[in-house]
PDB file of all heavy atoms in Angstrom:
ATOM      1  N   ILE A   1      -2.787  -8.848  -3.983  1.00  0.00           N
ATOM      2  CA  ILE A   1      -4.200  -9.278  -4.206  1.00  0.00           C
ATOM      3  C   ILE A   1      -4.913  -8.077  -4.772  1.00  0.00           C
ATOM      4  O   ILE A   1      -5.102  -7.036  -4.114  1.00  0.00           O
ATOM      5  CB  ILE A   1      -4.848  -9.719  -2.897  1.00  0.00           C
ATOM      6  CG1 ILE A   1      -4.010 -10.743  -2.166  1.00  0.00           C
ATOM      7  CG2 ILE A   1      -6.236 -10.341  -3.240  1.00  0.00           C
ATOM      8  CD1 ILE A   1      -4.627 -11.212  -0.821  1.00  0.00           C
ATOM      9  N   PRO A   2      -5.428  -8.104  -6.003  1.00  0.00           N
ATOM     10  CA  PRO A   2      -6.246  -7.043  -6.599  1.00  0.00           C
ATOM     11  C   PRO A   2      -7.497  -6.925  -5.633  1.00  0.00           C
ATOM     12  O   PRO A   2      -8.079  -7.872  -5.179  1.00  0.00           O
ATOM     13  CB  PRO A   2      -6.626  -7.562  -7.952  1.00  0.00           C
ATOM     14  CG  PRO A   2      -5.595  -8.557  -8.266  1.00  0.00           C
ATOM     15  CD  PRO A   2      -5.231  -9.239  -7.008  1.00  0.00           C
ATOM     16  N   ILE A   3      -7.896  -5.638  -5.403  1.00  0.00           N
ATOM     17  CA  ILE A   3      -9.072  -5.451  -4.582  1.00  0.00           C
ATOM     18  C   ILE A   3     -10.307  -5.844  -5.393  1.00  0.00           C
ATOM     19  O   ILE A   3     -10.557  -5.330  -6.511  1.00  0.00           O
ATOM     20  CB  ILE A   3      -9.156  -3.943  -4.186  1.00  0.00           C
ATOM     21  CG1 ILE A   3      -8.018  -3.632  -3.266  1.00  0.00           C
ATOM     22  CG2 ILE A   3     -10.559  -3.662  -3.491  1.00  0.00           C
ATOM     23  CD1 ILE A   3      -7.927  -2.167  -2.913  1.00  0.00           C
ATOM     24  N   PRO A   4     -11.099  -6.760  -4.909  1.00  0.00           N
ATOM     25  CA  PRO A   4     -12.316  -7.304  -5.673  1.00  0.00           C
ATOM     26  C   PRO A   4     -13.363  -6.239  -5.761  1.00  0.00           C
ATOM     27  O   PRO A   4     -13.509  -5.354  -4.949  1.00  0.00           O
ATOM     28  CB  PRO A   4     -12.736  -8.504  -4.890  1.00  0.00           C
ATOM     29  CG  PRO A   4     -12.207  -8.298  -3.543  1.00  0.00           C
ATOM     30  CD  PRO A   4     -10.978  -7.484  -3.663  1.00  0.00           C
ATOM     31  N   GLU A   5     -14.200  -6.389  -6.772  1.00  0.00           N
ATOM     32  CA  GLU A   5     -15.400  -5.480  -6.932  1.00  0.00           C
ATOM     33  C   GLU A   5     -16.248  -5.552  -5.665  1.00  0.00           C
ATOM     34  O   GLU A   5     -16.812  -4.519  -5.236  1.00  0.00           O
ATOM     35  CB  GLU A   5     -16.171  -5.825  -8.206  1.00  0.00           C
ATOM     36  CG  GLU A   5     -15.500  -5.471  -9.467  1.00  0.00           C
ATOM     37  CD  GLU A   5     -16.378  -5.636 -10.645  1.00  0.00           C
ATOM     38  OE1 GLU A   5     -17.653  -5.749 -10.497  1.00  0.00           O
ATOM     39  OE2 GLU A   5     -15.892  -5.684 -11.761  1.00  0.00           O
ATOM     40  N   ASP A   6     -16.437  -6.682  -5.147  1.00  0.00           N
ATOM     41  CA  ASP A   6     -17.154  -6.851  -3.888  1.00  0.00           C
ATOM     42  C   ASP A   6     -16.204  -7.233  -2.781  1.00  0.00           C
ATOM     43  O   ASP A   6     -15.832  -8.459  -2.637  1.00  0.00           O
ATOM     44  CB  ASP A   6     -18.214  -7.979  -4.050  1.00  0.00           C
ATOM     45  CG  ASP A   6     -18.999  -8.154  -2.697  1.00  0.00           C
ATOM     46  OD1 ASP A   6     -18.841  -7.364  -1.780  1.00  0.00           O
ATOM     47  OD2 ASP A   6     -19.795  -9.132  -2.656  1.00  0.00           O
ATOM     48  N   PRO A   7     -15.687  -6.254  -2.037  1.00  0.00           N
ATOM     49  CA  PRO A   7     -14.662  -6.534  -1.006  1.00  0.00           C
ATOM     50  C   PRO A   7     -15.167  -7.349   0.156  1.00  0.00           C
ATOM     51  O   PRO A   7     -14.393  -7.794   0.992  1.00  0.00           O
ATOM     52  CB  PRO A   7     -14.222  -5.125  -0.580  1.00  0.00           C
ATOM     53  CG  PRO A   7     -15.455  -4.258  -0.767  1.00  0.00           C
ATOM     54  CD  PRO A   7     -16.084  -4.819  -2.058  1.00  0.00           C
ATOM     55  N   THR A   8     -16.527  -7.574   0.242  1.00  0.00           N
ATOM     56  CA  THR A   8     -17.076  -8.389   1.299  1.00  0.00           C
ATOM     57  C   THR A   8     -16.883  -9.809   1.146  1.00  0.00           C
ATOM     58  O   THR A   8     -17.142 -10.622   2.102  1.00  0.00           O
ATOM     59  CB  THR A   8     -18.529  -8.094   1.606  1.00  0.00           C
ATOM     60  OG1 THR A   8     -19.360  -8.427   0.488  1.00  0.00           O
ATOM     61  CG2 THR A   8     -18.764  -6.566   1.825  1.00  0.00           C
ATOM     62  N   VAL A   9     -16.507 -10.262  -0.081  1.00  0.00           N
ATOM     63  CA  VAL A   9     -16.223 -11.672  -0.328  1.00  0.00           C
ATOM     64  C   VAL A   9     -15.025 -12.097   0.518  1.00  0.00           C
ATOM     65  O   VAL A   9     -14.114 -11.329   0.728  1.00  0.00           O
ATOM     66  CB  VAL A   9     -15.957 -11.903  -1.832  1.00  0.00           C
ATOM     67  CG1 VAL A   9     -14.690 -11.224  -2.294  1.00  0.00           C
ATOM     68  CG2 VAL A   9     -15.883 -13.402  -2.154  1.00  0.00           C
ATOM     69  N   SER A  10     -15.152 -13.319   1.008  1.00  0.00           N
ATOM     70  CA  SER A  10     -14.021 -13.781   1.908  1.00  0.00           C
ATOM     71  C   SER A  10     -13.797 -15.294   1.712  1.00  0.00           C
ATOM     72  O   SER A  10     -14.784 -16.037   1.685  1.00  0.00           O
ATOM     73  CB  SER A  10     -14.481 -13.550   3.393  1.00  0.00           C
ATOM     74  OG  SER A  10     -13.461 -13.973   4.284  1.00  0.00           O
ATOM     75  N   PRO A  11     -12.526 -15.632   1.439  1.00  0.00           N
ATOM     76  CA  PRO A  11     -11.357 -14.749   1.287  1.00  0.00           C
ATOM     77  C   PRO A  11     -11.343 -14.082  -0.075  1.00  0.00           C
ATOM     78  O   PRO A  11     -12.141 -14.405  -0.962  1.00  0.00           O
ATOM     79  CB  PRO A  11     -10.183 -15.752   1.397  1.00  0.00           C
ATOM     80  CG  PRO A  11     -10.755 -17.017   0.837  1.00  0.00           C
ATOM     81  CD  PRO A  11     -12.187 -17.052   1.305  1.00  0.00           C
ATOM     82  N   TRP A  12     -10.476 -13.034  -0.263  1.00  0.00           N
ATOM     83  CA  TRP A  12     -10.313 -12.365  -1.496  1.00  0.00           C
ATOM     84  C   TRP A  12      -9.720 -13.340  -2.540  1.00  0.00           C
ATOM     85  O   TRP A  12      -8.736 -14.082  -2.187  1.00  0.00           O
ATOM     86  CB  TRP A  12      -9.506 -11.104  -1.359  1.00  0.00           C
ATOM     87  CG  TRP A  12     -10.238  -9.956  -0.705  1.00  0.00           C
ATOM     88  CD1 TRP A  12     -11.441  -9.975  -0.112  1.00  0.00           C
ATOM     89  CD2 TRP A  12      -9.670  -8.623  -0.578  1.00  0.00           C
ATOM     90  NE1 TRP A  12     -11.790  -8.732   0.401  1.00  0.00           N
ATOM     91  CE2 TRP A  12     -10.703  -7.882   0.102  1.00  0.00           C
ATOM     92  CE3 TRP A  12      -8.504  -8.010  -0.935  1.00  0.00           C
ATOM     93  CZ2 TRP A  12     -10.472  -6.483   0.404  1.00  0.00           C
ATOM     94  CZ3 TRP A  12      -8.296  -6.663  -0.629  1.00  0.00           C
ATOM     95  CH2 TRP A  12      -9.334  -5.918  -0.019  1.00  0.00           C
ATOM     96  N   PRO A  13     -10.180 -13.300  -3.761  1.00  0.00           N
ATOM     97  CA  PRO A  13      -9.620 -14.219  -4.830  1.00  0.00           C
ATOM     98  C   PRO A  13      -8.399 -13.597  -5.466  1.00  0.00           C
ATOM     99  O   PRO A  13      -7.974 -12.477  -5.191  1.00  0.00           O
ATOM    100  CB  PRO A  13     -10.775 -14.299  -5.803  1.00  0.00           C
ATOM    101  CG  PRO A  13     -11.489 -12.971  -5.740  1.00  0.00           C
ATOM    102  CD  PRO A  13     -11.397 -12.572  -4.235  1.00  0.00           C
ATOM    103  N   ASP A  14      -7.829 -14.349  -6.427  1.00  0.00           N
ATOM    104  CA  ASP A  14      -6.735 -13.920  -7.248  1.00  0.00           C
ATOM    105  C   ASP A  14      -5.484 -13.544  -6.521  1.00  0.00           C
ATOM    106  O   ASP A  14      -4.897 -12.446  -6.672  1.00  0.00           O
ATOM    107  CB  ASP A  14      -7.161 -12.740  -8.138  1.00  0.00           C
ATOM    108  CG  ASP A  14      -6.200 -12.511  -9.335  1.00  0.00           C
ATOM    109  OD1 ASP A  14      -5.430 -13.463  -9.644  1.00  0.00           O
ATOM    110  OD2 ASP A  14      -6.314 -11.388  -9.936  1.00  0.00           O
ATOM    111  N   VAL A  15      -5.117 -14.417  -5.531  1.00  0.00           N
ATOM    112  CA  VAL A  15      -3.898 -14.149  -4.786  1.00  0.00           C
ATOM    113  C   VAL A  15      -2.685 -14.478  -5.546  1.00  0.00           C
ATOM    114  O   VAL A  15      -2.520 -15.489  -6.171  1.00  0.00           O
ATOM    115  CB  VAL A  15      -3.950 -15.034  -3.442  1.00  0.00           C
ATOM    116  CG1 VAL A  15      -2.656 -14.839  -2.657  1.00  0.00           C
ATOM    117  CG2 VAL A  15      -5.165 -14.710  -2.615  1.00  0.00           C
ATOM    118  N   GLN A  16      -1.718 -13.530  -5.543  1.00  0.00           N
ATOM    119  CA  GLN A  16      -0.458 -13.695  -6.294  1.00  0.00           C
ATOM    120  C   GLN A  16       0.749 -13.467  -5.371  1.00  0.00           C
ATOM    121  O   GLN A  16       0.596 -12.772  -4.336  1.00  0.00           O
ATOM    122  CB  GLN A  16      -0.400 -12.737  -7.476  1.00  0.00           C
ATOM    123  CG  GLN A  16      -1.535 -12.895  -8.465  1.00  0.00           C
ATOM    124  CD  GLN A  16      -1.591 -11.784  -9.499  1.00  0.00           C
ATOM    125  OE1 GLN A  16      -0.621 -11.400 -10.042  1.00  0.00           O
ATOM    126  NE2 GLN A  16      -2.836 -11.249  -9.719  1.00  0.00           N
ATOM    127  N   ILE A  17       1.840 -14.051  -5.748  1.00  0.00           N
ATOM    128  CA  ILE A  17       3.077 -13.846  -4.973  1.00  0.00           C
ATOM    129  C   ILE A  17       4.080 -13.030  -5.768  1.00  0.00           C
ATOM    130  O   ILE A  17       4.392 -13.444  -6.875  1.00  0.00           O
ATOM    131  CB  ILE A  17       3.728 -15.217  -4.578  1.00  0.00           C
ATOM    132  CG1 ILE A  17       2.738 -16.102  -3.820  1.00  0.00           C
ATOM    133  CG2 ILE A  17       4.965 -15.022  -3.736  1.00  0.00           C
ATOM    134  CD1 ILE A  17       2.204 -15.594  -2.540  1.00  0.00           C
ATOM    135  N   ILE A  18       4.497 -11.934  -5.180  1.00  0.00           N
ATOM    136  CA  ILE A  18       5.596 -11.113  -5.887  1.00  0.00           C
ATOM    137  C   ILE A  18       6.899 -11.722  -5.692  1.00  0.00           C
ATOM    138  O   ILE A  18       7.720 -11.788  -6.601  1.00  0.00           O
ATOM    139  CB  ILE A  18       5.509  -9.654  -5.358  1.00  0.00           C
ATOM    140  CG1 ILE A  18       4.190  -8.991  -5.742  1.00  0.00           C
ATOM    141  CG2 ILE A  18       6.629  -8.850  -5.819  1.00  0.00           C
ATOM    142  CD1 ILE A  18       4.004  -7.595  -5.200  1.00  0.00           C
ATOM    143  N   ALA A  19       7.207 -12.158  -4.454  1.00  0.00           N
ATOM    144  CA  ALA A  19       8.551 -12.671  -4.184  1.00  0.00           C
ATOM    145  C   ALA A  19       8.431 -13.494  -2.865  1.00  0.00           C
ATOM    146  O   ALA A  19       7.529 -13.283  -2.092  1.00  0.00           O
ATOM    147  CB  ALA A  19       9.561 -11.615  -4.059  1.00  0.00           C
ATOM    148  N   GLU A  20       9.367 -14.394  -2.664  1.00  0.00           N
ATOM    149  CA  GLU A  20       9.374 -15.140  -1.344  1.00  0.00           C
ATOM    150  C   GLU A  20      10.823 -15.445  -0.979  1.00  0.00           C
ATOM    151  O   GLU A  20      11.735 -15.336  -1.841  1.00  0.00           O
ATOM    152  CB  GLU A  20       8.524 -16.336  -1.396  1.00  0.00           C
ATOM    153  CG  GLU A  20       8.795 -17.309  -2.515  1.00  0.00           C
ATOM    154  CD  GLU A  20       7.729 -18.420  -2.536  1.00  0.00           C
ATOM    155  OE1 GLU A  20       7.246 -18.754  -1.354  1.00  0.00           O
ATOM    156  OE2 GLU A  20       7.349 -18.913  -3.594  1.00  0.00           O
ATOM    157  N   GLY A  21      10.997 -15.733   0.336  1.00  0.00           N
ATOM    158  CA  GLY A  21      12.294 -16.027   0.800  1.00  0.00           C
ATOM    159  C   GLY A  21      13.248 -14.818   0.893  1.00  0.00           C
ATOM    160  O   GLY A  21      14.436 -14.989   0.775  1.00  0.00           O
ATOM    161  N   LYS A  22      12.700 -13.616   1.044  1.00  0.00           N
ATOM    162  CA  LYS A  22      13.440 -12.405   0.998  1.00  0.00           C
ATOM    163  C   LYS A  22      14.026 -12.098   2.432  1.00  0.00           C
ATOM    164  O   LYS A  22      13.190 -12.003   3.347  1.00  0.00           O
ATOM    165  CB  LYS A  22      12.697 -11.273   0.441  1.00  0.00           C
ATOM    166  CG  LYS A  22      12.044 -11.500  -0.913  1.00  0.00           C
ATOM    167  CD  LYS A  22      12.979 -12.062  -1.978  1.00  0.00           C
ATOM    168  CE  LYS A  22      14.027 -11.090  -2.384  1.00  0.00           C
ATOM    169  NZ  LYS A  22      14.862 -11.676  -3.440  1.00  0.00           N
ATOM    170  N   SER A  23      15.277 -11.948   2.547  1.00  0.00           N
ATOM    171  CA  SER A  23      15.900 -11.655   3.861  1.00  0.00           C
ATOM    172  C   SER A  23      17.219 -10.956   3.647  1.00  0.00           C
ATOM    173  O   SER A  23      17.712 -10.885   2.534  1.00  0.00           O
ATOM    174  CB  SER A  23      16.054 -13.004   4.645  1.00  0.00           C
ATOM    175  OG  SER A  23      16.969 -13.815   3.979  1.00  0.00           O
ATOM    176  N   GLU A  24      17.754 -10.475   4.803  1.00  0.00           N
ATOM    177  CA  GLU A  24      19.080  -9.928   4.844  1.00  0.00           C
ATOM    178  C   GLU A  24      19.871 -10.780   5.875  1.00  0.00           C
ATOM    179  O   GLU A  24      19.340 -11.216   6.892  1.00  0.00           O
ATOM    180  CB  GLU A  24      19.091  -8.506   5.339  1.00  0.00           C
ATOM    181  CG  GLU A  24      18.776  -7.483   4.240  1.00  0.00           C
ATOM    182  CD  GLU A  24      19.968  -7.328   3.226  1.00  0.00           C
ATOM    183  OE1 GLU A  24      21.063  -6.961   3.663  1.00  0.00           O
ATOM    184  OE2 GLU A  24      19.764  -7.552   2.050  1.00  0.00           O
ATOM    185  N   PRO A  25      21.169 -11.022   5.640  1.00  0.00           N
ATOM    186  CA  PRO A  25      21.985 -11.716   6.656  1.00  0.00           C
ATOM    187  C   PRO A  25      21.948 -10.962   7.960  1.00  0.00           C
ATOM    188  O   PRO A  25      22.160  -9.714   8.001  1.00  0.00           O
ATOM    189  CB  PRO A  25      23.400 -11.685   6.059  1.00  0.00           C
ATOM    190  CG  PRO A  25      23.175 -11.575   4.570  1.00  0.00           C
ATOM    191  CD  PRO A  25      21.951 -10.674   4.447  1.00  0.00           C
ATOM    192  N   ASN A  26      21.726 -11.652   9.067  1.00  0.00           N
ATOM    193  CA  ASN A  26      21.795 -11.101  10.425  1.00  0.00           C
ATOM    194  C   ASN A  26      22.625 -11.977  11.324  1.00  0.00           C
ATOM    195  O   ASN A  26      22.118 -12.969  11.880  1.00  0.00           O
ATOM    196  CB  ASN A  26      20.368 -10.924  10.955  1.00  0.00           C
ATOM    197  CG  ASN A  26      20.347 -10.253  12.323  1.00  0.00           C
ATOM    198  OD1 ASN A  26      21.396  -9.870  12.862  1.00  0.00           O
ATOM    199  ND2 ASN A  26      19.168 -10.051  12.896  1.00  0.00           N
ATOM    200  N   PRO A  27      23.902 -11.602  11.504  1.00  0.00           N
ATOM    201  CA  PRO A  27      24.739 -12.406  12.325  1.00  0.00           C
ATOM    202  C   PRO A  27      24.423 -12.435  13.762  1.00  0.00           C
ATOM    203  O   PRO A  27      24.860 -13.279  14.592  1.00  0.00           O
ATOM    204  CB  PRO A  27      26.156 -11.784  12.098  1.00  0.00           C
ATOM    205  CG  PRO A  27      25.856 -10.395  11.702  1.00  0.00           C
ATOM    206  CD  PRO A  27      24.607 -10.463  10.937  1.00  0.00           C
ATOM    207  N   TYR A  28      23.493 -11.534  14.178  1.00  0.00           N
ATOM    208  CA  TYR A  28      23.084 -11.397  15.595  1.00  0.00           C
ATOM    209  C   TYR A  28      21.876 -12.298  15.903  1.00  0.00           C
ATOM    210  O   TYR A  28      21.464 -12.462  17.008  1.00  0.00           O
ATOM    211  CB  TYR A  28      22.739  -9.978  15.901  1.00  0.00           C
ATOM    212  CG  TYR A  28      23.729  -8.981  15.375  1.00  0.00           C
ATOM    213  CD1 TYR A  28      23.467  -8.188  14.215  1.00  0.00           C
ATOM    214  CD2 TYR A  28      24.979  -8.774  16.038  1.00  0.00           C
ATOM    215  CE1 TYR A  28      24.353  -7.310  13.690  1.00  0.00           C
ATOM    216  CE2 TYR A  28      25.858  -7.850  15.511  1.00  0.00           C
ATOM    217  CZ  TYR A  28      25.600  -7.085  14.357  1.00  0.00           C
ATOM    218  OH  TYR A  28      26.501  -6.229  13.892  1.00  0.00           O
ATOM    219  N   SER A  29      21.302 -12.905  14.903  1.00  0.00           N
ATOM    220  CA  SER A  29      20.121 -13.711  15.016  1.00  0.00           C
ATOM    221  C   SER A  29      20.478 -15.231  15.015  1.00  0.00           C
ATOM    222  O   SER A  29      21.300 -15.610  14.236  1.00  0.00           O
ATOM    223  CB  SER A  29      19.113 -13.451  13.898  1.00  0.00           C
ATOM    224  OG  SER A  29      18.107 -14.460  13.839  1.00  0.00           O
ATOM    225  N   PRO A  30      19.810 -16.029  15.864  1.00  0.00           N
ATOM    226  CA  PRO A  30      20.088 -17.470  15.790  1.00  0.00           C
ATOM    227  C   PRO A  30      19.840 -18.081  14.445  1.00  0.00           C
ATOM    228  O   PRO A  30      20.514 -19.050  14.068  1.00  0.00           O
ATOM    229  CB  PRO A  30      19.112 -18.032  16.889  1.00  0.00           C
ATOM    230  CG  PRO A  30      18.880 -16.853  17.800  1.00  0.00           C
ATOM    231  CD  PRO A  30      18.899 -15.634  16.915  1.00  0.00           C
ATOM    232  N   ALA A  31      18.887 -17.497  13.722  1.00  0.00           N
ATOM    233  CA  ALA A  31      18.586 -18.046  12.366  1.00  0.00           C
ATOM    234  C   ALA A  31      19.595 -17.654  11.355  1.00  0.00           C
ATOM    235  O   ALA A  31      19.683 -18.240  10.296  1.00  0.00           O
ATOM    236  CB  ALA A  31      17.188 -17.597  11.922  1.00  0.00           C
ATOM    237  N   GLY A  32      20.362 -16.601  11.654  1.00  0.00           N
ATOM    238  CA  GLY A  32      21.378 -16.133  10.714  1.00  0.00           C
ATOM    239  C   GLY A  32      20.889 -15.158   9.640  1.00  0.00           C
ATOM    240  O   GLY A  32      21.625 -14.688   8.816  1.00  0.00           O
ATOM    241  N   PHE A  33      19.558 -14.934   9.644  1.00  0.00           N
ATOM    242  CA  PHE A  33      18.972 -14.021   8.680  1.00  0.00           C
ATOM    243  C   PHE A  33      17.859 -13.261   9.287  1.00  0.00           C
ATOM    244  O   PHE A  33      17.303 -13.608  10.364  1.00  0.00           O
ATOM    245  CB  PHE A  33      18.539 -14.734   7.434  1.00  0.00           C
ATOM    246  CG  PHE A  33      17.322 -15.637   7.643  1.00  0.00           C
ATOM    247  CD1 PHE A  33      16.028 -15.180   7.515  1.00  0.00           C
ATOM    248  CD2 PHE A  33      17.476 -16.985   7.982  1.00  0.00           C
ATOM    249  CE1 PHE A  33      14.901 -15.961   7.716  1.00  0.00           C
ATOM    250  CE2 PHE A  33      16.363 -17.856   8.227  1.00  0.00           C
ATOM    251  CZ  PHE A  33      15.078 -17.333   8.084  1.00  0.00           C
ATOM    252  N   GLN A  34      17.474 -12.138   8.647  1.00  0.00           N
ATOM    253  CA  GLN A  34      16.394 -11.283   9.097  1.00  0.00           C
ATOM    254  C   GLN A  34      15.372 -11.121   7.975  1.00  0.00           C
ATOM    255  O   GLN A  34      15.727 -10.699   6.865  1.00  0.00           O
ATOM    256  CB  GLN A  34      16.920  -9.915   9.523  1.00  0.00           C
ATOM    257  CG  GLN A  34      15.908  -9.033  10.227  1.00  0.00           C
ATOM    258  CD  GLN A  34      15.536  -9.581  11.576  1.00  0.00           C
ATOM    259  OE1 GLN A  34      16.352 -10.039  12.331  1.00  0.00           O
ATOM    260  NE2 GLN A  34      14.269  -9.556  11.891  1.00  0.00           N
ATOM    261  N   PRO A  35      14.119 -11.559   8.165  1.00  0.00           N
ATOM    262  CA  PRO A  35      13.114 -11.358   7.113  1.00  0.00           C
ATOM    263  C   PRO A  35      13.000  -9.891   6.776  1.00  0.00           C
ATOM    264  O   PRO A  35      13.003  -9.064   7.653  1.00  0.00           O
ATOM    265  CB  PRO A  35      11.818 -11.920   7.722  1.00  0.00           C
ATOM    266  CG  PRO A  35      12.343 -12.880   8.828  1.00  0.00           C
ATOM    267  CD  PRO A  35      13.594 -12.286   9.289  1.00  0.00           C
ATOM    268  N   GLU A  36      12.839  -9.565   5.466  1.00  0.00           N
ATOM    269  CA  GLU A  36      12.729  -8.212   5.114  1.00  0.00           C
ATOM    270  C   GLU A  36      11.370  -7.672   5.482  1.00  0.00           C
ATOM    271  O   GLU A  36      10.389  -8.378   5.542  1.00  0.00           O
ATOM    272  CB  GLU A  36      12.994  -8.115   3.583  1.00  0.00           C
ATOM    273  CG  GLU A  36      14.440  -8.306   3.210  1.00  0.00           C
ATOM    274  CD  GLU A  36      14.833  -7.455   2.006  1.00  0.00           C
ATOM    275  OE1 GLU A  36      14.134  -7.545   0.978  1.00  0.00           O
ATOM    276  OE2 GLU A  36      15.894  -6.823   2.057  1.00  0.00           O
ATOM    277  N   GLU A  37      11.389  -6.301   5.661  1.00  0.00           N
ATOM    278  CA  GLU A  37      10.113  -5.663   5.939  1.00  0.00           C
ATOM    279  C   GLU A  37      10.192  -4.161   5.400  1.00  0.00           C
ATOM    280  O   GLU A  37      11.274  -3.758   4.965  1.00  0.00           O
ATOM    281  CB  GLU A  37       9.780  -5.643   7.447  1.00  0.00           C
ATOM    282  CG  GLU A  37      10.756  -4.915   8.296  1.00  0.00           C
ATOM    283  CD  GLU A  37      10.432  -5.028   9.756  1.00  0.00           C
ATOM    284  OE1 GLU A  37      10.495  -6.174  10.337  1.00  0.00           O
ATOM    285  OE2 GLU A  37      10.128  -4.000  10.353  1.00  0.00           O
ATOM    286  N   GLY A  38       9.070  -3.491   5.451  1.00  0.00           N
ATOM    287  CA  GLY A  38       8.962  -2.112   4.930  1.00  0.00           C
ATOM    288  C   GLY A  38       8.490  -2.173   3.546  1.00  0.00           C
ATOM    289  O   GLY A  38       9.041  -2.858   2.665  1.00  0.00           O
ATOM    290  N   LEU A  39       7.418  -1.335   3.248  1.00  0.00           N
ATOM    291  CA  LEU A  39       6.912  -1.284   1.895  1.00  0.00           C
ATOM    292  C   LEU A  39       6.734   0.209   1.468  1.00  0.00           C
ATOM    293  O   LEU A  39       6.396   1.047   2.286  1.00  0.00           O
ATOM    294  CB  LEU A  39       5.508  -1.921   1.857  1.00  0.00           C
ATOM    295  CG  LEU A  39       5.472  -3.453   1.960  1.00  0.00           C
ATOM    296  CD1 LEU A  39       4.006  -3.923   1.984  1.00  0.00           C
ATOM    297  CD2 LEU A  39       6.201  -4.143   0.818  1.00  0.00           C
ATOM    298  N   ALA A  40       6.948   0.427   0.205  1.00  0.00           N
ATOM    299  CA  ALA A  40       6.704   1.797  -0.385  1.00  0.00           C
ATOM    300  C   ALA A  40       6.405   1.602  -1.841  1.00  0.00           C
ATOM    301  O   ALA A  40       6.797   0.581  -2.435  1.00  0.00           O
ATOM    302  CB  ALA A  40       7.891   2.724  -0.155  1.00  0.00           C
ATOM    303  N   ILE A  41       5.673   2.522  -2.411  1.00  0.00           N
ATOM    304  CA  ILE A  41       5.296   2.517  -3.849  1.00  0.00           C
ATOM    305  C   ILE A  41       5.778   3.809  -4.465  1.00  0.00           C
ATOM    306  O   ILE A  41       5.528   4.847  -3.923  1.00  0.00           O
ATOM    307  CB  ILE A  41       3.825   2.256  -4.014  1.00  0.00           C
ATOM    308  CG1 ILE A  41       3.397   0.860  -3.596  1.00  0.00           C
ATOM    309  CG2 ILE A  41       3.381   2.575  -5.461  1.00  0.00           C
ATOM    310  CD1 ILE A  41       1.966   0.578  -3.668  1.00  0.00           C
ATOM    311  N   GLY A  42       6.382   3.720  -5.667  1.00  0.00           N
ATOM    312  CA  GLY A  42       6.816   4.872  -6.400  1.00  0.00           C
ATOM    313  C   GLY A  42       7.513   4.524  -7.654  1.00  0.00           C
ATOM    314  O   GLY A  42       7.909   3.392  -7.890  1.00  0.00           O
ATOM    315  N   ASP A  43       7.574   5.463  -8.609  1.00  0.00           N
ATOM    316  CA  ASP A  43       8.170   5.222  -9.868  1.00  0.00           C
ATOM    317  C   ASP A  43       9.693   5.481  -9.715  1.00  0.00           C
ATOM    318  O   ASP A  43      10.142   6.604  -9.779  1.00  0.00           O
ATOM    319  CB  ASP A  43       7.563   6.150 -10.872  1.00  0.00           C
ATOM    320  CG  ASP A  43       8.153   6.008 -12.282  1.00  0.00           C
ATOM    321  OD1 ASP A  43       8.964   4.999 -12.478  1.00  0.00           O
ATOM    322  OD2 ASP A  43       7.920   6.872 -13.164  1.00  0.00           O
ATOM    323  N   VAL A  44      10.481   4.428  -9.633  1.00  0.00           N
ATOM    324  CA  VAL A  44      11.879   4.572  -9.457  1.00  0.00           C
ATOM    325  C   VAL A  44      12.688   4.437 -10.744  1.00  0.00           C
ATOM    326  O   VAL A  44      13.905   4.809 -10.751  1.00  0.00           O
ATOM    327  CB  VAL A  44      12.386   3.607  -8.422  1.00  0.00           C
ATOM    328  CG1 VAL A  44      11.756   3.762  -7.084  1.00  0.00           C
ATOM    329  CG2 VAL A  44      12.291   2.097  -8.880  1.00  0.00           C
ATOM    330  N   ASP A  45      12.083   3.989 -11.810  1.00  0.00           N
ATOM    331  CA  ASP A  45      12.854   3.878 -13.072  1.00  0.00           C
ATOM    332  C   ASP A  45      12.402   4.887 -14.083  1.00  0.00           C
ATOM    333  O   ASP A  45      12.926   4.927 -15.259  1.00  0.00           O
ATOM    334  CB  ASP A  45      12.772   2.463 -13.649  1.00  0.00           C
ATOM    335  CG  ASP A  45      11.334   2.052 -14.046  1.00  0.00           C
ATOM    336  OD1 ASP A  45      10.432   2.839 -13.855  1.00  0.00           O
ATOM    337  OD2 ASP A  45      11.213   0.893 -14.515  1.00  0.00           O
ATOM    338  N   GLY A  46      11.484   5.751 -13.752  1.00  0.00           N
ATOM    339  CA  GLY A  46      11.138   6.913 -14.624  1.00  0.00           C
ATOM    340  C   GLY A  46      10.311   6.564 -15.814  1.00  0.00           C
ATOM    341  O   GLY A  46      10.229   7.323 -16.738  1.00  0.00           O
TER     342      GLY A  46
END
């Protein structure tokens, strides 16, 4: 979500989805998968 010029507006507009349904297999979980977590930002392709 881009930060709006007026951040007091609610809800914030222009909501976008980068990805969905992201998980790793987890044989220890009843669901069989683990939702992904953890975020970082950086230039990884130079």
